[in-house]
Amino acid sequence: MNRYAIKELYLWKDKKNRKPLILQGARQVGKTWLMQQFAKEAFQKSIYINFENNAQLSGLFIKDFDIQRIKFEIQLYSGIMPDKDTLLIFDEIQEAKRGVTALKYFYEQSPELPVIAAGSLLGIATHQNDSFPVGKVDFVSLYPLSFLEFLEAAGKEQFVAAVKEQRWENLAPFEGQLQDLLKQYFFVGGMPEVVKNFTETHDVGLVRELQHNILDAYDRDFSKHAPLDEVPRLRMVWRSISGQLSKENKKFIYGFLKEGARAKNFELAIEWLRDAGLVYRVSRTKKGLLPLSAYEDFAAFKLFMLDIGLLCAMSGMPPQALVNGNAVFTDYKGALTEQYVQQQLRLNRENLIYYWSADNSQGEIDFLVQNGGKILPVEVKAEENLQAKSLRSFVEKNPELHGIRFSMAPYKEQSWVTNYPLYAVSAVI
């Protein structure tokens, strides 16, 4: 399985002022596999330590942060002395007391030693006990497979290069095939284990079983790692996302959770889910001006899940939807399509993602993306209907901007907007 994030690991390896790397990402997005694959490809030697199941080294950092001592004890455990040609992998580092803090001292005392750390709940751990090594670590984020990675896993590599190169005329005869593959991706999603089993068996029942297993694992994490008094609220927020997104107005509504619910009662639950990498918050911005963050409305936001396939599973989308033509795009098409586009946009670390709506609620832009010095207004359409009154009005009021529309229609350029096929989101922005 080809993961594009491995390119970022190679860039990190070649940096002159390389720091220990934290690989961020939710549980089961493939962090362990990626680190071990990178070790095989790019290093002569590697040492893998999983602190979740390694009692011998659980106290490695408790005594002190003397890196020479720590390296010697790692050699006693592994039989390999860590050096500049050895990739040192710390998995589930949040389970090692003071493990996150220790990364600072690897950078200061042994900067030549390549160190990668990861953890399923690392984002939560860094907000609790350990002192976080601000400025002493690098970061790479890993997400579920993109649609293009899914195409490669499905043996459709011939389409990937053409999509990346935006060869619309050449792709036009294959629009139907690409749309069918996109519908598969909507149902299967990008969780590596699910994709692997689907591409090998095409068993949609097994897909759904694996997705529910992942959702169950997340639910167990709530009980095991979250504050006990927050667990009920966590579950209410988590289980409401599919319903929140199915509304015509996808803004997160606290009253949707229960009557009389208020932001102050659920803010911690939402932050916990964000720290765990399970949800992404897209805030409203009031204006389409740089920087978008200066006009952020902190009270208005949308919540998206980490993976479209898990959203399908949580919403109860039946496996038959995969083979019933456009059934997957009927009642739930808007929610799925917006989730999909957000998921692809997030793959580009340069993208800062917001949405815009008018103060009088007369008009909304699905996504307003800041990429470097550019602002990109993005409209999302689940079908071929290219009506986009809000987008057109917004661009007319902001003539320096050019609209982008993603839909099931082929590529088409107009003076104020360019329509791109939905399958090409990650190749366009």
Protein backbone atom coordinates (compact mmCIF):
# COMPACT_ATOMS: atom_id res chain seq x y z
CA MET A 1 0.00 0.00 0.00
CA ASN A 2 1.45 3.34 -1.05
CA ARG A 3 1.07 6.18 1.47
CA TYR A 4 1.97 9.60 0.13
CA ALA A 5 2.96 10.79 3.62
CA ILE A 6 6.15 8.74 3.35
CA LYS A 7 7.52 11.50 1.10
CA GLU A 8 7.26 13.88 4.06
CA LEU A 9 9.27 11.43 6.16
CA TYR A 10 12.03 11.44 3.53
CA LEU A 11 12.03 15.25 3.55
CA TRP A 12 12.34 15.15 7.33
CA LYS A 13 15.24 12.67 7.11
CA ASP A 14 17.19 15.01 4.82
CA LYS A 15 16.64 18.21 6.83
CA LYS A 16 19.82 19.89 8.03
CA ASN A 17 18.35 20.90 11.37
CA ARG A 18 16.33 17.74 11.90
CA LYS A 19 14.42 17.38 15.16
CA PRO A 20 12.66 14.34 16.60
CA LEU A 21 9.49 13.80 14.59
CA ILE A 22 6.01 13.37 16.00
CA LEU A 23 3.73 11.46 13.62
CA GLN A 24 0.22 12.62 14.40
CA GLY A 25 -2.97 10.78 13.57
CA ALA A 26 -5.97 8.95 14.98
CA ARG A 27 -5.93 5.31 15.97
CA GLN A 28 -5.75 2.85 13.06
CA VAL A 29 -4.82 5.31 10.30
CA GLY A 30 -1.58 3.39 9.69
CA LYS A 31 1.07 5.21 11.74
CA THR A 32 2.88 2.05 12.91
CA TRP A 33 2.95 0.56 9.40
CA LEU A 34 4.24 3.81 7.90
CA MET A 35 7.06 4.19 10.44
CA GLN A 36 8.19 0.59 9.98
CA GLN A 37 7.96 0.81 6.18
CA PHE A 38 10.04 4.00 6.24
CA ALA A 39 12.62 2.25 8.43
CA LYS A 40 12.92 -0.60 5.90
CA GLU A 41 13.28 1.74 2.93
CA ALA A 42 15.48 4.52 4.29
CA PHE A 43 17.72 3.19 7.09
CA GLN A 44 20.35 0.52 7.58
CA LYS A 45 18.98 -0.32 11.03
CA SER A 46 15.94 0.44 13.14
CA ILE A 47 14.73 -0.09 16.69
CA TYR A 48 11.00 -0.31 17.35
CA ILE A 49 9.67 0.20 20.88
CA ASN A 50 5.95 0.10 21.67
CA PHE A 51 5.47 1.49 25.17
CA GLU A 52 1.94 0.15 25.38
CA ASN A 53 3.13 -3.44 25.65
CA ASN A 54 6.77 -3.11 26.77
CA ALA A 55 7.09 -3.47 30.54
CA GLN A 56 10.91 -3.61 30.40
CA LEU A 57 11.23 -0.06 29.09
CA SER A 58 8.17 1.53 30.67
CA GLY A 59 10.38 3.49 33.08
CA LEU A 60 13.04 4.44 30.54
CA PHE A 61 12.70 8.20 31.07
CA ILE A 62 11.73 8.35 34.76
CA LYS A 63 15.22 8.54 36.34
CA ASP A 64 16.61 11.36 34.21
CA PHE A 65 17.01 12.60 30.63
CA ASP A 66 20.61 11.49 30.18
CA ILE A 67 20.44 10.40 26.55
CA GLN A 68 23.66 8.36 26.74
CA ARG A 69 22.14 6.28 29.55
CA ILE A 70 18.88 5.96 27.65
CA LYS A 71 20.65 4.84 24.46
CA PHE A 72 22.67 2.27 26.42
CA GLU A 73 19.52 0.78 27.97
CA ILE A 74 17.92 0.67 24.53
CA GLN A 75 20.99 -1.23 23.31
CA LEU A 76 20.60 -3.72 26.18
CA TYR A 77 16.98 -4.26 25.12
CA SER A 78 17.44 -4.42 21.34
CA GLY A 79 21.04 -5.49 20.81
CA ILE A 80 21.56 -2.38 18.64
CA MET A 81 23.28 0.83 19.74
CA PRO A 82 21.26 3.76 18.36
CA ASP A 83 23.35 5.93 16.04
CA LYS A 84 22.92 8.26 13.06
CA ASP A 85 22.14 5.31 10.75
CA THR A 86 19.50 3.86 13.08
CA LEU A 87 15.87 4.98 13.05
CA LEU A 88 14.60 4.93 16.63
CA ILE A 89 10.82 4.46 16.71
CA PHE A 90 8.81 5.18 19.86
CA ASP A 91 5.24 3.97 19.38
CA GLU A 92 2.45 4.82 21.82
CA ILE A 93 4.91 7.19 23.46
CA GLN A 94 2.18 8.71 25.61
CA GLU A 95 2.23 5.46 27.64
CA ALA A 96 5.84 6.13 28.74
CA LYS A 97 5.98 8.53 31.68
CA ARG A 98 7.86 11.70 30.60
CA GLY A 99 8.33 10.14 27.16
CA VAL A 100 7.07 13.17 25.23
CA THR A 101 9.27 15.49 27.29
CA ALA A 102 12.30 13.27 26.56
CA LEU A 103 12.13 14.20 22.86
CA LYS A 104 13.53 17.63 23.74
CA TYR A 105 16.65 16.04 25.19
CA PHE A 106 17.19 13.77 22.19
CA TYR A 107 17.28 16.95 20.10
CA GLU A 108 19.62 18.81 22.46
CA GLN A 109 21.99 15.97 23.40
CA SER A 110 21.95 13.70 20.35
CA PRO A 111 20.67 15.66 17.31
CA GLU A 112 22.29 13.26 14.84
CA LEU A 113 20.03 10.41 16.01
CA PRO A 114 16.81 10.10 13.93
CA VAL A 115 13.82 9.63 16.27
CA ILE A 116 10.16 9.20 15.34
CA ALA A 117 7.41 9.10 17.95
CA ALA A 118 3.72 8.35 17.55
CA GLY A 119 0.72 7.57 19.70
CA SER A 120 -2.97 6.98 19.12
CA LEU A 121 -3.93 9.42 21.87
CA LEU A 122 -0.79 11.56 21.79
CA GLY A 123 -2.75 14.77 21.31
CA ILE A 124 -4.65 14.13 24.52
CA ALA A 125 -1.56 13.11 26.48
CA THR A 126 0.27 16.33 25.60
CA HIS A 127 -2.51 18.34 27.23
CA GLN A 128 -2.34 16.45 30.51
CA ASN A 129 0.88 15.52 32.27
CA ASP A 130 4.10 15.76 30.28
CA SER A 131 5.77 19.06 29.49
CA PHE A 132 5.52 19.44 25.72
CA PRO A 133 8.84 20.13 23.92
CA VAL A 134 7.74 23.27 22.10
CA GLY A 135 10.13 24.13 19.28
CA LYS A 136 12.13 20.92 19.77
CA VAL A 137 10.13 18.57 17.53
CA ASP A 138 8.93 18.34 13.94
CA PHE A 139 5.45 17.19 12.94
CA VAL A 140 3.87 15.13 10.18
CA SER A 141 0.17 14.32 10.14
CA LEU A 142 -1.22 11.05 8.82
CA TYR A 143 -4.84 10.78 7.71
CA PRO A 144 -6.93 7.98 6.21
CA LEU A 145 -6.09 7.15 2.59
CA SER A 146 -6.99 9.83 0.10
CA PHE A 147 -9.09 8.95 -2.93
CA LEU A 148 -5.97 8.85 -5.09
CA GLU A 149 -4.26 6.48 -2.63
CA PHE A 150 -7.44 4.39 -2.71
CA LEU A 151 -7.23 4.24 -6.51
CA GLU A 152 -3.66 2.94 -6.29
CA ALA A 153 -4.65 0.35 -3.68
CA ALA A 154 -7.48 -0.76 -5.98
CA GLY A 155 -5.04 -1.31 -8.86
CA LYS A 156 -6.15 1.77 -10.81
CA GLU A 157 -2.76 3.50 -10.91
CA GLN A 158 -3.30 4.49 -14.54
CA PHE A 159 -5.87 7.08 -13.47
CA VAL A 160 -3.79 8.64 -10.70
CA ALA A 161 -1.12 10.29 -12.84
CA ALA A 162 -3.74 11.65 -15.25
CA VAL A 163 -5.75 13.15 -12.38
CA LYS A 164 -2.64 14.69 -10.81
CA GLU A 165 -1.70 16.18 -14.18
CA GLN A 166 -5.30 17.39 -14.66
CA ARG A 167 -5.61 15.83 -18.11
CA TRP A 168 -9.35 16.44 -18.30
CA GLU A 169 -9.79 15.67 -22.01
CA ASN A 170 -8.05 12.32 -21.65
CA LEU A 171 -10.08 11.47 -18.55
CA ALA A 172 -13.44 12.43 -20.07
CA PRO A 173 -14.21 8.98 -21.58
CA PHE A 174 -13.62 7.42 -18.16
CA GLU A 175 -15.84 9.73 -16.10
CA GLY A 176 -18.36 6.98 -15.39
CA GLN A 177 -15.72 4.55 -14.20
CA LEU A 178 -14.12 7.17 -11.97
CA GLN A 179 -17.50 8.09 -10.50
CA ASP A 180 -18.17 4.44 -9.68
CA LEU A 181 -14.79 4.21 -7.95
CA LEU A 182 -15.57 7.40 -6.05
CA LYS A 183 -18.83 5.87 -4.82
CA GLN A 184 -16.86 2.87 -3.61
CA TYR A 185 -14.56 5.22 -1.72
CA PHE A 186 -17.54 6.98 -0.15
CA PHE A 187 -18.63 3.63 1.29
CA VAL A 188 -15.25 2.06 2.07
CA GLY A 189 -13.40 5.19 3.17
CA GLY A 190 -9.68 5.36 3.76
CA MET A 191 -8.91 3.37 6.90
CA PRO A 192 -5.99 1.14 5.79
CA GLU A 193 -7.28 -2.19 7.14
CA VAL A 194 -10.69 -1.61 5.56
CA VAL A 195 -9.21 -0.61 2.19
CA LYS A 196 -6.85 -3.59 2.17
CA ASN A 197 -9.65 -6.08 2.83
CA PHE A 198 -12.01 -4.47 0.32
CA THR A 199 -9.45 -4.44 -2.49
CA GLU A 200 -8.64 -8.10 -1.79
CA THR A 201 -12.18 -9.45 -1.31
CA HIS A 202 -14.71 -6.81 -2.46
CA ASP A 203 -16.80 -8.08 0.45
CA VAL A 204 -18.95 -5.09 1.49
CA GLY A 205 -20.25 -7.00 4.51
CA LEU A 206 -16.68 -7.39 5.75
CA VAL A 207 -16.09 -3.68 5.11
CA ARG A 208 -18.97 -2.79 7.39
CA GLU A 209 -17.83 -5.27 10.06
CA LEU A 210 -14.31 -3.81 10.11
CA GLN A 211 -15.65 -0.27 10.26
CA HIS A 212 -17.83 -1.11 13.25
CA ASN A 213 -14.83 -2.73 14.93
CA ILE A 214 -12.94 0.55 14.56
CA LEU A 215 -15.88 2.55 15.88
CA ASP A 216 -16.13 0.17 18.85
CA ALA A 217 -12.40 0.65 19.55
CA TYR A 218 -12.89 4.41 19.61
CA ASP A 219 -15.82 4.00 21.97
CA ARG A 220 -13.65 1.94 24.33
CA ASP A 221 -11.06 4.71 24.24
CA PHE A 222 -13.71 7.10 25.56
CA SER A 223 -14.27 4.95 28.65
CA LYS A 224 -10.59 4.15 29.15
CA HIS A 225 -8.91 7.52 28.59
CA ALA A 226 -11.45 10.34 28.87
CA PRO A 227 -12.51 11.91 32.19
CA LEU A 228 -15.40 9.82 33.48
CA ASP A 229 -17.80 12.75 33.75
CA GLU A 230 -17.08 13.68 30.11
CA VAL A 231 -17.75 10.22 28.62
CA PRO A 232 -21.54 10.63 28.22
CA ARG A 233 -21.07 14.00 26.52
CA LEU A 234 -18.31 12.61 24.31
CA ARG A 235 -20.63 9.90 23.07
CA MET A 236 -23.47 12.35 22.49
CA VAL A 237 -21.26 14.60 20.35
CA TRP A 238 -19.62 11.69 18.50
CA ARG A 239 -22.90 9.95 17.67
CA SER A 240 -24.57 13.17 16.58
CA ILE A 241 -22.13 14.03 13.79
CA SER A 242 -23.86 12.06 11.04
CA GLY A 243 -27.18 13.68 11.94
CA GLN A 244 -25.64 17.14 12.20
CA LEU A 245 -24.15 16.81 8.72
CA SER A 246 -27.38 15.50 7.22
CA LYS A 247 -29.15 18.79 8.00
CA GLU A 248 -29.46 21.31 5.18
CA ASN A 249 -27.61 23.76 7.40
CA LYS A 250 -24.64 21.70 8.57
CA LYS A 251 -23.64 24.12 11.33
CA PHE A 252 -23.18 22.26 14.62
CA ILE A 253 -26.22 22.80 16.83
CA TYR A 254 -25.88 22.00 20.53
CA GLY A 255 -29.65 21.69 20.84
CA PHE A 256 -29.44 18.76 18.42
CA LEU A 257 -27.69 16.81 21.22
CA LYS A 258 -30.45 17.31 23.75
CA GLU A 259 -32.98 19.97 24.63
CA GLY A 260 -31.41 22.92 26.37
CA ALA A 261 -27.80 21.89 25.65
CA ARG A 262 -25.27 24.73 25.81
CA ALA A 263 -21.76 25.20 24.46
CA LYS A 264 -20.19 25.34 27.93
CA ASN A 265 -21.45 21.82 28.68
CA PHE A 266 -19.91 20.25 25.56
CA GLU A 267 -16.78 22.26 24.75
CA LEU A 268 -14.46 19.86 26.60
CA ALA A 269 -16.01 16.85 24.88
CA ILE A 270 -15.46 18.39 21.44
CA GLU A 271 -11.85 19.31 22.29
CA TRP A 272 -11.16 15.76 23.50
CA LEU A 273 -12.44 14.34 20.20
CA ARG A 274 -10.31 16.83 18.28
CA ASP A 275 -7.20 15.99 20.29
CA ALA A 276 -7.81 12.30 19.58
CA GLY A 277 -7.92 13.09 15.85
CA LEU A 278 -11.47 11.77 15.54
CA VAL A 279 -13.21 14.98 14.48
CA TYR A 280 -12.26 18.14 12.64
CA ARG A 281 -13.75 21.53 13.31
CA VAL A 282 -14.36 23.94 10.43
CA SER A 283 -15.22 27.39 11.74
CA ARG A 284 -17.25 30.09 10.08
CA THR A 285 -15.41 33.15 8.84
CA LYS A 286 -17.33 36.39 8.41
CA LYS A 287 -15.34 37.77 5.47
CA GLY A 288 -13.35 36.50 2.52
CA LEU A 289 -10.29 38.56 3.34
CA LEU A 290 -6.75 37.65 4.39
CA PRO A 291 -6.16 36.31 6.92
CA LEU A 292 -9.38 34.37 7.32
CA SER A 293 -8.55 33.71 10.98
CA ALA A 294 -8.99 37.40 11.74
CA TYR A 295 -12.69 37.10 10.88
CA GLU A 296 -13.35 33.73 12.54
CA ASP A 297 -16.68 33.29 14.31
CA PHE A 298 -15.78 30.96 17.19
CA ALA A 299 -19.43 30.28 18.01
CA ALA A 300 -20.32 28.86 14.59
CA PHE A 301 -18.68 25.75 13.20
CA LYS A 302 -19.19 22.40 11.48
CA LEU A 303 -17.85 19.10 12.80
CA PHE A 304 -16.59 16.42 10.41
CA MET A 305 -15.43 12.88 11.11
CA LEU A 306 -11.94 11.68 10.30
CA ASP A 307 -13.17 9.24 7.62
CA ILE A 308 -16.07 9.10 5.20
CA GLY A 309 -16.37 5.31 5.43
CA LEU A 310 -16.76 5.50 9.21
CA LEU A 311 -19.39 8.20 8.70
CA CYS A 312 -21.27 5.81 6.40
CA ALA A 313 -21.03 3.05 9.01
CA MET A 314 -22.18 5.28 11.85
CA SER A 315 -25.12 6.57 9.83
CA GLY A 316 -26.26 3.02 9.00
CA MET A 317 -25.69 3.31 5.26
CA PRO A 318 -26.50 -0.24 4.04
CA PRO A 319 -23.89 -2.18 2.06
CA GLN A 320 -26.38 -2.42 -0.82
CA ALA A 321 -25.92 1.32 -1.41
CA LEU A 322 -22.56 0.51 -2.96
CA VAL A 323 -24.08 -1.45 -5.83
CA ASN A 324 -27.37 0.38 -6.32
CA GLY A 325 -26.29 3.05 -8.75
CA ASN A 326 -26.88 6.48 -7.30
CA ALA A 327 -28.45 5.23 -4.06
CA VAL A 328 -25.39 6.33 -2.11
CA PHE A 329 -26.02 9.89 -3.33
CA THR A 330 -29.72 10.20 -2.48
CA ASP A 331 -30.93 11.39 0.93
CA TYR A 332 -27.46 11.50 2.45
CA LYS A 333 -25.55 12.73 -0.57
CA GLY A 334 -24.91 16.24 0.69
CA ALA A 335 -23.43 15.09 3.98
CA LEU A 336 -21.20 12.48 2.36
CA THR A 337 -19.97 14.79 -0.39
CA GLU A 338 -19.09 17.62 1.97
CA GLN A 339 -17.34 15.17 4.32
CA TYR A 340 -15.39 13.80 1.34
CA VAL A 341 -14.25 17.22 0.10
CA GLN A 342 -13.22 18.34 3.59
CA GLN A 343 -11.27 15.11 4.03
CA GLN A 344 -9.34 15.65 0.79
CA LEU A 345 -8.70 19.34 1.44
CA ARG A 346 -7.15 18.51 4.80
CA LEU A 347 -4.42 16.43 3.13
CA ASN A 348 -2.68 19.62 2.03
CA ARG A 349 -1.06 21.08 5.15
CA GLU A 350 -1.03 24.52 3.49
CA ASN A 351 -4.84 24.64 3.48
CA LEU A 352 -6.56 26.57 6.25
CA ILE A 353 -10.20 25.54 6.00
CA TYR A 354 -13.24 27.64 6.95
CA TYR A 355 -16.75 28.16 5.66
CA TRP A 356 -18.59 31.40 5.04
CA SER A 357 -22.20 32.36 5.63
CA ALA A 358 -23.93 35.72 5.49
CA ASP A 359 -24.97 37.37 8.75
CA ASN A 360 -28.59 37.26 7.61
CA SER A 361 -28.23 33.56 6.68
CA GLN A 362 -28.95 34.42 3.05
CA GLY A 363 -26.13 32.55 1.40
CA GLU A 364 -23.34 30.18 2.34
CA ILE A 365 -20.07 28.97 0.82
CA ASP A 366 -19.32 25.36 1.75
CA PHE A 367 -15.60 25.98 2.22
CA LEU A 368 -13.41 29.05 2.16
CA VAL A 369 -9.81 27.88 1.90
CA GLN A 370 -6.74 29.99 2.57
CA ASN A 371 -3.71 28.58 0.80
CA GLY A 372 -0.67 30.79 1.19
CA GLY A 373 -1.66 34.21 -0.05
CA LYS A 374 -4.74 32.97 -1.90
CA ILE A 375 -8.37 32.59 -0.84
CA LEU A 376 -10.37 29.92 -2.65
CA PRO A 377 -14.17 29.89 -2.37
CA VAL A 378 -15.29 26.26 -2.79
CA GLU A 379 -18.79 25.03 -3.59
CA VAL A 380 -19.63 21.32 -3.30
CA LYS A 381 -22.28 19.63 -5.41
CA ALA A 382 -23.19 15.96 -5.02
CA GLU A 383 -24.57 15.65 -8.55
CA GLU A 384 -24.24 17.45 -11.89
CA ASN A 385 -26.45 20.40 -10.94
CA LEU A 386 -24.17 23.39 -11.40
CA GLN A 387 -26.45 26.04 -9.89
CA ALA A 388 -24.39 27.96 -7.33
CA LYS A 389 -26.18 31.22 -6.52
CA SER A 390 -24.35 31.80 -3.23
CA LEU A 391 -20.96 31.21 -4.81
CA ARG A 392 -21.69 33.49 -7.75
CA SER A 393 -22.95 36.26 -5.49
CA PHE A 394 -19.91 35.91 -3.24
CA VAL A 395 -17.47 36.11 -6.16
CA GLU A 396 -19.29 39.12 -7.63
CA LYS A 397 -18.90 40.92 -4.29
CA ASN A 398 -15.24 39.83 -4.12
CA PRO A 399 -14.13 40.17 -7.77
CA GLU A 400 -10.48 39.44 -6.93
CA LEU A 401 -11.52 35.85 -6.14
CA HIS A 402 -12.23 32.98 -8.52
CA GLY A 403 -14.73 30.34 -7.52
CA ILE A 404 -14.11 26.58 -7.47
CA ARG A 405 -16.94 24.09 -7.77
CA PHE A 406 -16.59 20.35 -7.25
CA SER A 407 -19.38 18.25 -8.74
CA MET A 408 -20.12 15.09 -10.70
CA ALA A 409 -19.98 17.17 -13.90
CA PRO A 410 -16.85 17.25 -16.10
CA TYR A 411 -14.24 19.99 -16.03
CA LYS A 412 -15.55 23.33 -17.21
CA GLU A 413 -14.02 26.80 -16.96
CA GLN A 414 -16.06 29.99 -16.74
CA SER A 415 -15.09 33.58 -16.10
CA TRP A 416 -16.04 33.49 -12.40
CA VAL A 417 -15.81 29.79 -11.55
CA THR A 418 -14.08 26.58 -12.59
CA ASN A 419 -15.92 23.29 -12.22
CA TYR A 420 -13.75 20.30 -11.37
CA PRO A 421 -14.88 16.69 -11.09
CA LEU A 422 -15.29 15.48 -7.51
CA TYR A 423 -12.70 12.76 -7.95
CA ALA A 424 -9.97 15.39 -8.44
CA VAL A 425 -10.23 17.42 -5.20
CA SER A 426 -6.82 16.51 -3.78
CA ALA A 427 -5.15 17.21 -7.15
CA VAL A 428 -6.64 20.69 -7.43
CA ILE A 429 -6.23 22.27 -3.99
